[in-house]
Amino acid sequence: MSNLIGKSAPTFPVLKDQDGADFDISSVIGKEPCVIFFYPQAMTYGCTKEACAIRDISNKPTFLRADSPGTQVMRIIGISSDTHTKQKEFATKHDLGYTLLADTEKLARKAYGVTGSTFLGLVPQRVTFIVDQQGTVKATEDSSISMAAHTKLVEKWAAVFAGQQGTQTQAIANLS
C-alpha cells in the first residue's frame, strides 16, 4: 500500500454504490482529489466510528474549496465487501453524505493491495488512500486499531487541497 505513494492510483472494475448504481472509479481518479478508504464491515463499532468521523470532517468549512464555495476539496469514497443494500442501510442510518461502494468480490481491495487481515486473520485491513487531482497517490494510512489516524490523515490533506496551510509544498512538509 505505501508502495503506491507517488504512483498512479489504481482503477478497478465498476462497482455498485449504496444506491445500486454503477460507479466507475475512473470517473474520479485524475479528475478531482479524493480519499478512498477501505473498511472491514458496515455497521460495526470501529467502521461506524471512522465513517462518522470522516462525515463530520467533510461537513467542516475547512473541507470546502476557497475558490468554489459549497464544493468539497476531496471526493470521499468508502469501500467494504458489504452488499450495496448493507451500504445503503449504513449510509442512511448514519447520514453519510458520500459514496460507499460494495466490493463483494474484493476487486478494489486487490487493485490497491489491501488484501491482508488483522486480528488473527479474522478482520480485513482498514486502509485509507489520499489521491490528488492528477491521480497520484499522495499518502496512505494502514491502521486497523486507530480510526483517529485515518481521520487525521483526511483532515490534514483536506487542508492541503484547500490551500489553507500556505503553499502545498509547505503543507506537505508539515505532514512529515
Protein backbone atom coordinates (compact mmCIF):
# COMPACT_ATOMS: atom_id res chain seq x y z
CA MET A 1 0.00 0.00 0.00
CA SER A 2 2.66 2.52 0.94
CA ASN A 3 4.42 1.35 -2.21
CA LEU A 4 1.66 3.17 -4.11
CA ILE A 5 2.76 6.58 -2.84
CA GLY A 6 3.90 8.68 -5.78
CA LYS A 7 2.31 6.30 -8.28
CA SER A 8 -0.92 6.49 -10.24
CA ALA A 9 -3.91 5.40 -8.23
CA PRO A 10 -5.17 2.02 -9.41
CA THR A 11 -8.54 1.67 -11.05
CA PHE A 12 -10.81 -1.32 -10.67
CA PRO A 13 -13.93 -2.70 -12.36
CA VAL A 14 -17.24 -0.89 -11.96
CA LEU A 15 -18.81 -1.50 -8.53
CA LYS A 16 -22.28 -0.80 -7.16
CA ASP A 17 -22.72 2.19 -4.89
CA GLN A 18 -25.08 2.25 -1.92
CA ASP A 19 -27.99 3.08 -4.24
CA GLY A 20 -27.29 0.12 -6.52
CA ALA A 21 -25.97 2.36 -9.30
CA ASP A 22 -22.82 1.53 -11.23
CA PHE A 23 -19.80 3.52 -10.07
CA ASP A 24 -16.69 3.76 -12.21
CA ILE A 25 -13.66 4.90 -10.17
CA SER A 26 -12.04 6.20 -13.35
CA SER A 27 -14.72 8.91 -13.38
CA VAL A 28 -12.97 10.35 -10.31
CA ILE A 29 -9.28 9.34 -10.45
CA GLY A 30 -7.27 12.01 -12.25
CA LYS A 31 -10.19 14.43 -12.26
CA GLU A 32 -10.52 15.50 -8.62
CA PRO A 33 -8.73 14.88 -5.32
CA CYS A 34 -10.22 12.02 -3.37
CA VAL A 35 -9.95 9.97 -0.24
CA ILE A 36 -10.54 6.26 -0.74
CA PHE A 37 -10.94 4.39 2.50
CA PHE A 38 -11.30 0.64 2.87
CA TYR A 39 -13.10 -0.51 5.99
CA PRO A 40 -13.83 -4.05 7.23
CA GLN A 41 -17.61 -4.09 7.67
CA ALA A 42 -20.50 -1.64 7.69
CA MET A 43 -22.47 -1.19 10.91
CA THR A 44 -19.67 -2.38 13.19
CA TYR A 45 -18.36 -0.19 16.01
CA GLY A 46 -14.97 0.76 14.54
CA CYS A 47 -16.23 1.24 11.00
CA THR A 48 -19.15 3.36 12.19
CA LYS A 49 -16.79 5.48 14.28
CA GLU A 50 -14.46 6.00 11.29
CA ALA A 51 -17.22 6.67 8.74
CA CYS A 52 -18.96 9.17 11.03
CA ALA A 53 -15.69 10.96 11.83
CA ILE A 54 -14.98 11.33 8.11
CA ARG A 55 -18.56 12.58 7.63
CA ASP A 56 -18.01 15.15 10.37
CA ILE A 57 -14.74 16.35 8.80
CA SER A 58 -16.45 16.70 5.42
CA ASN A 59 -19.04 18.99 6.99
CA LYS A 60 -16.44 21.43 8.33
CA PRO A 61 -15.81 24.71 6.50
CA THR A 62 -12.14 23.65 6.10
CA PHE A 63 -13.32 20.85 3.80
CA LEU A 64 -14.69 23.37 1.31
CA ARG A 65 -12.79 24.88 -1.59
CA ALA A 66 -11.98 28.55 -1.16
CA ASP A 67 -12.28 29.19 -4.90
CA SER A 68 -15.63 27.38 -5.25
CA PRO A 69 -17.93 27.88 -2.25
CA GLY A 70 -20.00 24.82 -1.41
CA THR A 71 -17.64 22.45 -3.24
CA GLN A 72 -15.71 19.92 -1.18
CA VAL A 73 -11.93 19.76 -1.59
CA MET A 74 -11.93 15.97 -1.90
CA ARG A 75 -14.36 13.33 -3.09
CA ILE A 76 -14.94 10.72 -0.37
CA ILE A 77 -15.28 7.07 -1.33
CA GLY A 78 -15.70 4.34 1.28
CA ILE A 79 -15.29 0.70 0.25
CA SER A 80 -16.08 -2.57 2.01
CA SER A 81 -17.09 -6.06 0.94
CA ASP A 82 -20.65 -5.50 2.12
CA THR A 83 -23.54 -5.63 -0.35
CA HIS A 84 -24.93 -2.37 -1.71
CA THR A 85 -28.08 -2.84 0.38
CA LYS A 86 -25.98 -3.07 3.56
CA GLN A 87 -24.06 0.02 2.40
CA LYS A 88 -27.38 1.84 1.88
CA GLU A 89 -28.51 0.91 5.40
CA PHE A 90 -25.17 2.13 6.77
CA ALA A 91 -25.29 5.41 4.82
CA THR A 92 -28.90 6.10 5.78
CA LYS A 93 -28.59 5.23 9.46
CA HIS A 94 -25.54 7.46 9.92
CA ASP A 95 -26.35 10.19 7.38
CA LEU A 96 -23.16 9.56 5.41
CA GLY A 97 -23.29 12.01 2.53
CA TYR A 98 -20.63 10.34 0.41
CA THR A 99 -20.19 7.35 -1.88
CA LEU A 100 -19.98 3.85 -0.40
CA LEU A 101 -19.02 1.03 -2.74
CA ALA A 102 -19.88 -2.66 -2.47
CA ASP A 103 -16.70 -4.59 -3.21
CA THR A 104 -18.25 -8.03 -2.70
CA GLU A 105 -15.64 -9.75 -4.88
CA LYS A 106 -12.77 -7.74 -3.33
CA LEU A 107 -11.68 -6.38 -6.72
CA ALA A 108 -10.93 -2.89 -5.37
CA ARG A 109 -9.07 -4.34 -2.39
CA LYS A 110 -6.89 -6.39 -4.75
CA ALA A 111 -6.23 -3.39 -7.02
CA TYR A 112 -5.00 -1.35 -4.02
CA GLY A 113 -3.13 -4.20 -2.36
CA VAL A 114 -5.43 -4.19 0.65
CA THR A 115 -5.61 -7.96 0.83
CA GLY A 116 -4.37 -8.67 4.34
CA SER A 117 -6.23 -9.29 7.55
CA THR A 118 -5.79 -8.33 11.17
CA PHE A 119 -6.92 -9.75 14.49
CA LEU A 120 -5.81 -13.34 13.91
CA GLY A 121 -6.76 -13.13 10.25
CA LEU A 122 -10.44 -12.52 11.01
CA VAL A 123 -10.85 -8.86 10.01
CA PRO A 124 -9.96 -7.28 6.66
CA GLN A 125 -7.48 -4.40 6.73
CA ARG A 126 -8.55 -0.80 7.28
CA VAL A 127 -6.55 1.42 4.89
CA THR A 128 -7.01 4.98 3.65
CA PHE A 129 -5.54 6.46 0.46
CA ILE A 130 -5.26 10.13 -0.48
CA VAL A 131 -5.24 10.74 -4.24
CA ASP A 132 -4.57 14.14 -5.81
CA GLN A 133 -6.29 15.70 -8.83
CA GLN A 134 -3.66 14.25 -11.16
CA GLY A 135 -4.50 10.75 -9.93
CA THR A 136 -1.33 10.25 -7.89
CA VAL A 137 -1.45 8.53 -4.51
CA LYS A 138 -0.05 11.10 -2.07
CA ALA A 139 -0.44 9.34 1.28
CA THR A 140 -1.78 6.22 2.98
CA GLU A 141 -2.76 5.14 6.46
CA ASP A 142 -2.85 1.48 7.45
CA SER A 143 -4.13 1.10 10.99
CA SER A 144 -6.83 -1.32 11.99
CA ILE A 145 -6.94 -0.07 15.57
CA SER A 146 -6.66 3.71 15.33
CA MET A 147 -9.60 5.18 13.44
CA ALA A 148 -8.30 8.59 14.54
CA ALA A 149 -5.14 8.08 12.46
CA HIS A 150 -7.29 7.74 9.34
CA THR A 151 -9.41 10.79 10.07
CA LYS A 152 -6.33 12.83 10.97
CA LEU A 153 -4.84 11.99 7.55
CA VAL A 154 -8.05 13.03 5.79
CA GLU A 155 -8.24 16.28 7.72
CA LYS A 156 -4.60 17.21 7.02
CA TRP A 157 -4.89 16.51 3.29
CA ALA A 158 -8.18 18.39 3.08
CA ALA A 159 -6.26 21.41 4.38
CA VAL A 160 -3.54 20.83 1.77
CA PHE A 161 -6.04 20.64 -1.08
CA ALA A 162 -7.95 23.64 0.24
CA GLY A 163 -4.72 25.65 0.37
CA GLN A 164 -5.30 26.59 3.99
CA GLN A 165 -1.79 25.74 5.22
CA GLY A 166 0.08 28.09 2.94
CA THR A 167 1.73 26.63 -0.10
CA GLN A 168 1.14 22.99 -0.89
CA THR A 169 4.86 22.29 -0.54
CA GLN A 170 4.92 23.72 2.98
CA ALA A 171 1.77 21.84 3.94
CA ILE A 172 3.21 18.57 2.70
CA ALA A 173 6.38 19.22 4.72
CA ASN A 174 4.20 19.74 7.78
CA LEU A 175 2.69 16.29 7.31
CA SER A 176 6.02 14.59 7.93
